[in-house]
C-alpha atoms as a PDB file:
ATOM      1  CA  UNK A   1      77.321 -39.699 -16.395  1.00  0.00           C
ATOM      2  CA  UNK A   2      79.967 -41.569 -18.327  1.00  0.00           C
ATOM      3  CA  UNK A   3      78.965 -43.827 -21.200  1.00  0.00           C
ATOM      4  CA  UNK A   4      81.105 -46.950 -21.473  1.00  0.00           C
ATOM      5  CA  UNK A   5      80.868 -49.281 -24.454  1.00  0.00           C
ATOM      6  CA  UNK A   6      82.257 -52.701 -25.275  1.00  0.00           C
ATOM      7  CA  UNK A   7      85.148 -52.222 -27.705  1.00  0.00           C
ATOM      8  CA  UNK A   8      87.777 -54.293 -29.490  1.00  0.00           C
ATOM      9  CA  UNK A   9      90.336 -54.047 -32.313  1.00  0.00           C
ATOM     10  CA  UNK A  10      89.990 -55.841 -35.628  1.00  0.00           C
ATOM     11  CA  UNK A  11      92.842 -58.223 -36.418  1.00  0.00           C
ATOM     12  CA  UNK A  12      92.881 -57.451 -40.134  1.00  0.00           C
ATOM     13  CA  UNK A  13      93.106 -53.658 -40.041  1.00  0.00           C
ATOM     14  CA  UNK A  14      93.715 -52.861 -36.363  1.00  0.00           C
ATOM     15  CA  UNK A  15      90.885 -50.337 -36.248  1.00  0.00           C
ATOM     16  CA  UNK A  16      88.810 -49.906 -33.101  1.00  0.00           C
ATOM     17  CA  UNK A  17      85.237 -51.230 -33.121  1.00  0.00           C
ATOM     18  CA  UNK A  18      82.802 -49.943 -30.517  1.00  0.00           C
ATOM     19  CA  UNK A  19      79.186 -50.908 -29.898  1.00  0.00           C
ATOM     20  CA  UNK A  20      76.869 -47.944 -29.638  1.00  0.00           C
ATOM     21  CA  UNK A  21      74.322 -47.653 -26.817  1.00  0.00           C
ATOM     22  CA  UNK A  22      70.594 -47.607 -27.507  1.00  0.00           C
ATOM     23  CA  UNK A  23      69.578 -44.332 -29.211  1.00  0.00           C
ATOM     24  CA  UNK A  24      73.072 -42.921 -28.743  1.00  0.00           C
ATOM     25  CA  UNK A  25      75.197 -41.448 -31.517  1.00  0.00           C
ATOM     26  CA  UNK A  26      78.650 -43.039 -31.438  1.00  0.00           C
ATOM     27  CA  UNK A  27      81.510 -40.672 -30.669  1.00  0.00           C
ATOM     28  CA  UNK A  28      79.290 -37.966 -29.216  1.00  0.00           C
ATOM     29  CA  UNK A  29      80.096 -36.290 -25.915  1.00  0.00           C
ATOM     30  CA  UNK A  30      76.405 -35.537 -25.405  1.00  0.00           C
ATOM     31  CA  UNK A  31      74.248 -38.556 -24.575  1.00  0.00           C
ATOM     32  CA  UNK A  32      70.553 -38.971 -25.398  1.00  0.00           C
ATOM     33  CA  UNK A  33      69.305 -37.876 -21.962  1.00  0.00           C
ATOM     34  CA  UNK A  34      71.217 -34.593 -21.981  1.00  0.00           C
ATOM     35  CA  UNK A  35      70.148 -33.946 -25.581  1.00  0.00           C
ATOM     36  CA  UNK A  36      66.485 -34.241 -24.615  1.00  0.00           C
ATOM     37  CA  UNK A  37      67.003 -32.012 -21.574  1.00  0.00           C
ATOM     38  CA  UNK A  38      68.693 -29.358 -23.728  1.00  0.00           C
ATOM     39  CA  UNK A  39      65.808 -29.446 -26.223  1.00  0.00           C
ATOM     40  CA  UNK A  40      63.338 -29.208 -23.330  1.00  0.00           C
ATOM     41  CA  UNK A  41      65.091 -26.121 -21.946  1.00  0.00           C
ATOM     42  CA  UNK A  42      64.978 -24.476 -25.350  1.00  0.00           C
ATOM     43  CA  UNK A  43      61.473 -25.400 -26.534  1.00  0.00           C
ATOM     44  CA  UNK A  44      59.427 -25.691 -23.346  1.00  0.00           C
ATOM     45  CA  UNK A  45      61.169 -23.430 -20.836  1.00  0.00           C
ATOM     46  CA  UNK A  46      62.037 -21.025 -23.708  1.00  0.00           C
ATOM     47  CA  UNK A  47      65.700 -20.457 -22.882  1.00  0.00           C
ATOM     48  CA  UNK A  48      67.526 -19.140 -25.947  1.00  0.00           C
ATOM     49  CA  UNK A  49      69.690 -21.379 -28.122  1.00  0.00           C
ATOM     50  CA  UNK A  50      72.729 -19.407 -26.939  1.00  0.00           C
ATOM     51  CA  UNK A  51      71.890 -19.674 -23.231  1.00  0.00           C
ATOM     52  CA  UNK A  52      71.137 -23.419 -23.074  1.00  0.00           C
ATOM     53  CA  UNK A  53      74.763 -24.543 -23.668  1.00  0.00           C
ATOM     54  CA  UNK A  54      75.955 -21.879 -21.195  1.00  0.00           C
ATOM     55  CA  UNK A  55      73.554 -23.132 -18.509  1.00  0.00           C
ATOM     56  CA  UNK A  56      74.538 -26.771 -19.053  1.00  0.00           C
ATOM     57  CA  UNK A  57      78.226 -25.875 -18.957  1.00  0.00           C
ATOM     58  CA  UNK A  58      77.779 -23.961 -15.679  1.00  0.00           C
ATOM     59  CA  UNK A  59      75.845 -26.840 -14.052  1.00  0.00           C
ATOM     60  CA  UNK A  60      77.554 -29.916 -15.517  1.00  0.00           C
ATOM     61  CA  UNK A  61      80.812 -28.733 -17.092  1.00  0.00           C
ATOM     62  CA  UNK A  62      79.800 -30.171 -20.476  1.00  0.00           C
ATOM     63  CA  UNK A  63      80.510 -27.895 -23.429  1.00  0.00           C
ATOM     64  CA  UNK A  64      78.717 -27.793 -26.767  1.00  0.00           C
ATOM     65  CA  UNK A  65      77.891 -25.008 -29.204  1.00  0.00           C
ATOM     66  CA  UNK A  66      74.390 -23.557 -29.752  1.00  0.00           C
ATOM     67  CA  UNK A  67      74.296 -24.939 -33.307  1.00  0.00           C
ATOM     68  CA  UNK A  68      74.423 -28.453 -31.798  1.00  0.00           C
ATOM     69  CA  UNK A  69      70.876 -27.880 -30.490  1.00  0.00           C
ATOM     70  CA  UNK A  70      69.628 -27.718 -34.073  1.00  0.00           C
ATOM     71  CA  UNK A  71      71.297 -31.064 -34.746  1.00  0.00           C
ATOM     72  CA  UNK A  72      69.731 -32.531 -31.571  1.00  0.00           C
ATOM     73  CA  UNK A  73      66.287 -31.307 -32.673  1.00  0.00           C
ATOM     74  CA  UNK A  74      66.755 -32.675 -36.183  1.00  0.00           C
ATOM     75  CA  UNK A  75      67.612 -36.160 -34.903  1.00  0.00           C
ATOM     76  CA  UNK A  76      64.678 -36.094 -32.484  1.00  0.00           C
ATOM     77  CA  UNK A  77      62.300 -34.897 -35.207  1.00  0.00           C
ATOM     78  CA  UNK A  78      63.329 -37.808 -37.453  1.00  0.00           C
ATOM     79  CA  UNK A  79      62.567 -40.285 -34.674  1.00  0.00           C
ATOM     80  CA  UNK A  80      59.053 -38.880 -34.231  1.00  0.00           C
ATOM     81  CA  UNK A  81      58.019 -38.594 -37.885  1.00  0.00           C
ATOM     82  CA  UNK A  82      55.919 -41.759 -37.504  1.00  0.00           C
ATOM     83  CA  UNK A  83      54.065 -40.299 -34.506  1.00  0.00           C
ATOM     84  CA  UNK A  84      53.446 -36.988 -36.269  1.00  0.00           C
ATOM     85  CA  UNK A  85      52.068 -38.802 -39.328  1.00  0.00           C
ATOM     86  CA  UNK A  86      49.728 -40.909 -37.167  1.00  0.00           C
ATOM     87  CA  UNK A  87      48.406 -37.801 -35.395  1.00  0.00           C
ATOM     88  CA  UNK A  88      47.899 -36.012 -38.708  1.00  0.00           C
ATOM     89  CA  UNK A  89      45.877 -38.962 -40.052  1.00  0.00           C
ATOM     90  CA  UNK A  90      43.673 -39.010 -36.934  1.00  0.00           C
ATOM     91  CA  UNK A  91      43.072 -35.262 -37.203  1.00  0.00           C
ATOM     92  CA  UNK A  92      42.208 -35.568 -40.908  1.00  0.00           C
ATOM     93  CA  UNK A  93      39.598 -38.261 -40.220  1.00  0.00           C
ATOM     94  CA  UNK A  94      38.112 -36.504 -37.170  1.00  0.00           C
ATOM     95  CA  UNK A  95      34.649 -34.941 -37.422  1.00  0.00           C
ATOM     96  CA  UNK A  96      34.607 -33.290 -33.993  1.00  0.00           C
ATOM     97  CA  UNK A  97      36.558 -30.554 -32.301  1.00  0.00           C
ATOM     98  CA  UNK A  98      40.264 -31.014 -31.814  1.00  0.00           C
ATOM     99  CA  UNK A  99      41.894 -29.787 -28.623  1.00  0.00           C
ATOM    100  CA  UNK A 100      45.609 -29.253 -28.128  1.00  0.00           C
ATOM    101  CA  UNK A 101      47.286 -28.959 -24.770  1.00  0.00           C
ATOM    102  CA  UNK A 102      50.620 -27.404 -25.778  1.00  0.00           C
ATOM    103  CA  UNK A 103      51.625 -25.178 -28.625  1.00  0.00           C
ATOM    104  CA  UNK A 104      54.485 -26.812 -30.527  1.00  0.00           C
ATOM    105  CA  UNK A 105      57.210 -24.847 -32.245  1.00  0.00           C
ATOM    106  CA  UNK A 106      57.941 -26.084 -35.763  1.00  0.00           C
ATOM    107  CA  UNK A 107      61.327 -27.750 -36.227  1.00  0.00           C
ATOM    108  CA  UNK A 108      62.875 -27.147 -39.603  1.00  0.00           C
END
């Protein structure tokens, strides 16, 4: 998938201005969908941080380093802070049993 963005040059300074897509970091080779898939492979399927970029490179020809997964997870964690806080408040006010379907790995 190729991400194309509207772009232009400023008259005053001549620098390039590009509009970023929804939830997409500007200038990144890895789009939001592939980032989520990489995190899924690592956290749900339990493929190692080293093997995820290798697998994606073999299948799609897109290269990134294992440390980029930590960055992907950090950005995703920031987006879901509101959800985590809401769940924590509901758990704190609950009197009954609490059931969880999946075990989540902590993201630091």
